Amino acid sequence: MAVKAYFTMSEIECRCGCGFKGVKSLFLYKMNELRDRFGFPIYPTSWCRCEKHNKKVGGFKTSSHLKGWACNISIVSELGKYKIVYRAAKIGFRGIGIANTFIHLDDDPDKAFHRMWLY
């Protein structure tokens, strides 16, 4: 199945303006596949992060955002969260975190499979 490219570099790069955009191609492919299967736009709020920005936003020192393996997407509806989580699990993302206003997805090969948590 061919997957479209849905995300721009401005959505992927660090939000502090430093220009860091070390996204991993496999992760980007999975995010595009998720968007394709979801059928509606997905809005990243935090993708790649430099160390300085990660610290500023309260990210963990081992955050997968630092390595380009993670993305937070804005979503508030419970049905939307369910659909994202269901599809992300089927695609095989390693980690899924659920917050009130976003879903964290990661595929960091240095971390275990099948992790899920609430913020």
Protein backbone atom coordinates (compact mmCIF):
# COMPACT_ATOMS: atom_id res chain seq x y z
CA MET A 1 0.00 0.00 0.00
CA ALA A 2 1.38 3.40 -0.96
CA VAL A 3 1.27 5.93 1.85
CA LYS A 4 0.95 9.67 1.20
CA ALA A 5 3.21 12.20 2.88
CA TYR A 6 1.05 14.37 5.14
CA PHE A 7 3.48 16.27 7.36
CA THR A 8 5.68 19.27 6.63
CA MET A 9 9.17 19.89 8.00
CA SER A 10 7.81 22.86 9.96
CA GLU A 11 5.52 20.44 11.83
CA ILE A 12 8.39 18.03 12.48
CA GLU A 13 11.21 20.35 13.56
CA CYS A 14 11.85 21.52 17.10
CA ARG A 15 9.40 24.23 18.19
CA CYS A 16 12.10 26.43 19.73
CA GLY A 17 13.27 27.54 16.30
CA CYS A 18 16.71 25.88 16.44
CA GLY A 19 15.93 23.89 13.28
CA PHE A 20 16.50 20.40 14.72
CA LYS A 21 14.54 17.93 12.61
CA GLY A 22 16.14 14.54 13.22
CA VAL A 23 13.00 12.52 12.52
CA LYS A 24 13.59 8.86 11.73
CA SER A 25 12.29 7.81 8.33
CA LEU A 26 10.58 4.65 9.67
CA PHE A 27 8.76 6.72 12.29
CA LEU A 28 7.70 9.29 9.70
CA TYR A 29 6.41 6.46 7.52
CA LYS A 30 4.34 5.09 10.43
CA MET A 31 2.95 8.55 11.22
CA ASN A 32 1.92 8.98 7.58
CA GLU A 33 0.35 5.50 7.63
CA LEU A 34 -1.56 6.44 10.79
CA ARG A 35 -2.84 9.63 9.15
CA ASP A 36 -3.82 7.64 6.05
CA ARG A 37 -5.77 5.09 8.11
CA PHE A 38 -7.30 7.71 10.43
CA GLY A 39 -8.83 9.51 7.45
CA PHE A 40 -8.70 12.97 9.04
CA PRO A 41 -5.92 15.53 9.58
CA ILE A 42 -3.53 14.91 12.46
CA TYR A 43 -1.98 17.97 14.10
CA PRO A 44 1.45 17.49 15.70
CA THR A 45 2.11 19.71 18.71
CA SER A 46 5.58 18.38 19.50
CA TRP A 47 7.75 16.15 17.32
CA CYS A 48 11.54 16.57 17.31
CA ARG A 49 13.06 18.39 20.28
CA CYS A 50 16.55 19.68 21.01
CA GLU A 51 17.83 19.13 24.55
CA LYS A 52 17.23 22.75 25.57
CA HIS A 53 13.60 22.77 24.39
CA ASN A 54 12.95 19.32 25.87
CA LYS A 55 14.09 20.58 29.26
CA LYS A 56 11.99 23.75 28.92
CA VAL A 57 8.78 21.76 28.26
CA GLY A 58 9.48 19.30 31.11
CA GLY A 59 10.43 16.34 28.93
CA PHE A 60 12.32 13.37 30.35
CA LYS A 61 16.09 13.16 29.79
CA THR A 62 15.44 9.90 27.90
CA SER A 63 12.63 11.39 25.79
CA SER A 64 12.20 9.78 22.39
CA HIS A 65 11.48 13.28 21.01
CA LEU A 66 15.22 13.96 21.34
CA LYS A 67 16.01 11.18 18.87
CA GLY A 68 13.19 11.83 16.38
CA TRP A 69 11.21 8.76 17.46
CA ALA A 70 8.20 10.50 19.06
CA CYS A 71 5.34 12.83 18.27
CA ASN A 72 2.53 14.38 20.31
CA ILE A 73 -0.65 14.99 18.38
CA SER A 74 -3.46 17.30 19.40
CA ILE A 75 -6.77 15.56 19.96
CA VAL A 76 -9.49 16.23 22.52
CA SER A 77 -12.48 14.10 21.60
CA GLU A 78 -12.73 10.74 23.31
CA LEU A 79 -13.83 9.03 20.09
CA GLY A 80 -10.87 10.56 18.25
CA LYS A 81 -8.48 9.36 20.96
CA TYR A 82 -9.92 5.87 20.76
CA LYS A 83 -9.54 5.78 16.96
CA ILE A 84 -5.95 7.05 17.09
CA VAL A 85 -4.94 4.60 19.82
CA TYR A 86 -6.64 1.68 18.06
CA ARG A 87 -4.93 2.42 14.74
CA ALA A 88 -1.56 3.21 16.34
CA ALA A 89 -1.61 -0.15 18.13
CA LYS A 90 -2.49 -1.97 14.90
CA ILE A 91 0.36 -0.22 13.05
CA GLY A 92 2.76 -1.25 15.81
CA PHE A 93 3.91 1.90 17.61
CA ARG A 94 5.96 0.90 20.66
CA GLY A 95 4.57 3.52 23.06
CA ILE A 96 1.24 5.30 23.41
CA GLY A 97 0.58 7.96 26.03
CA ILE A 98 -2.88 9.44 26.53
CA ALA A 99 -3.42 12.94 27.93
CA ASN A 100 -6.44 15.23 28.10
CA THR A 101 -5.52 17.18 24.97
CA PHE A 102 -2.99 15.02 23.11
CA ILE A 103 -1.76 11.53 22.30
CA HIS A 104 1.96 10.73 22.50
CA LEU A 105 3.21 8.13 20.02
CA ASP A 106 6.71 6.74 19.85
CA ASP A 107 8.60 3.97 18.15
CA ASP A 108 11.95 4.22 19.94
CA PRO A 109 13.90 0.98 19.37
CA ASP A 110 15.69 1.50 22.71
CA LYS A 111 12.40 1.14 24.59
CA ALA A 112 10.10 -1.83 25.13
CA PHE A 113 7.13 -2.70 22.96
CA HIS A 114 3.51 -2.38 24.10
CA ARG A 115 3.90 0.53 26.52
CA MET A 116 0.81 2.57 27.32
CA TRP A 117 0.28 5.20 29.98
CA LEU A 118 -1.92 8.11 31.04
CA TYR A 119 -0.67 11.63 31.77
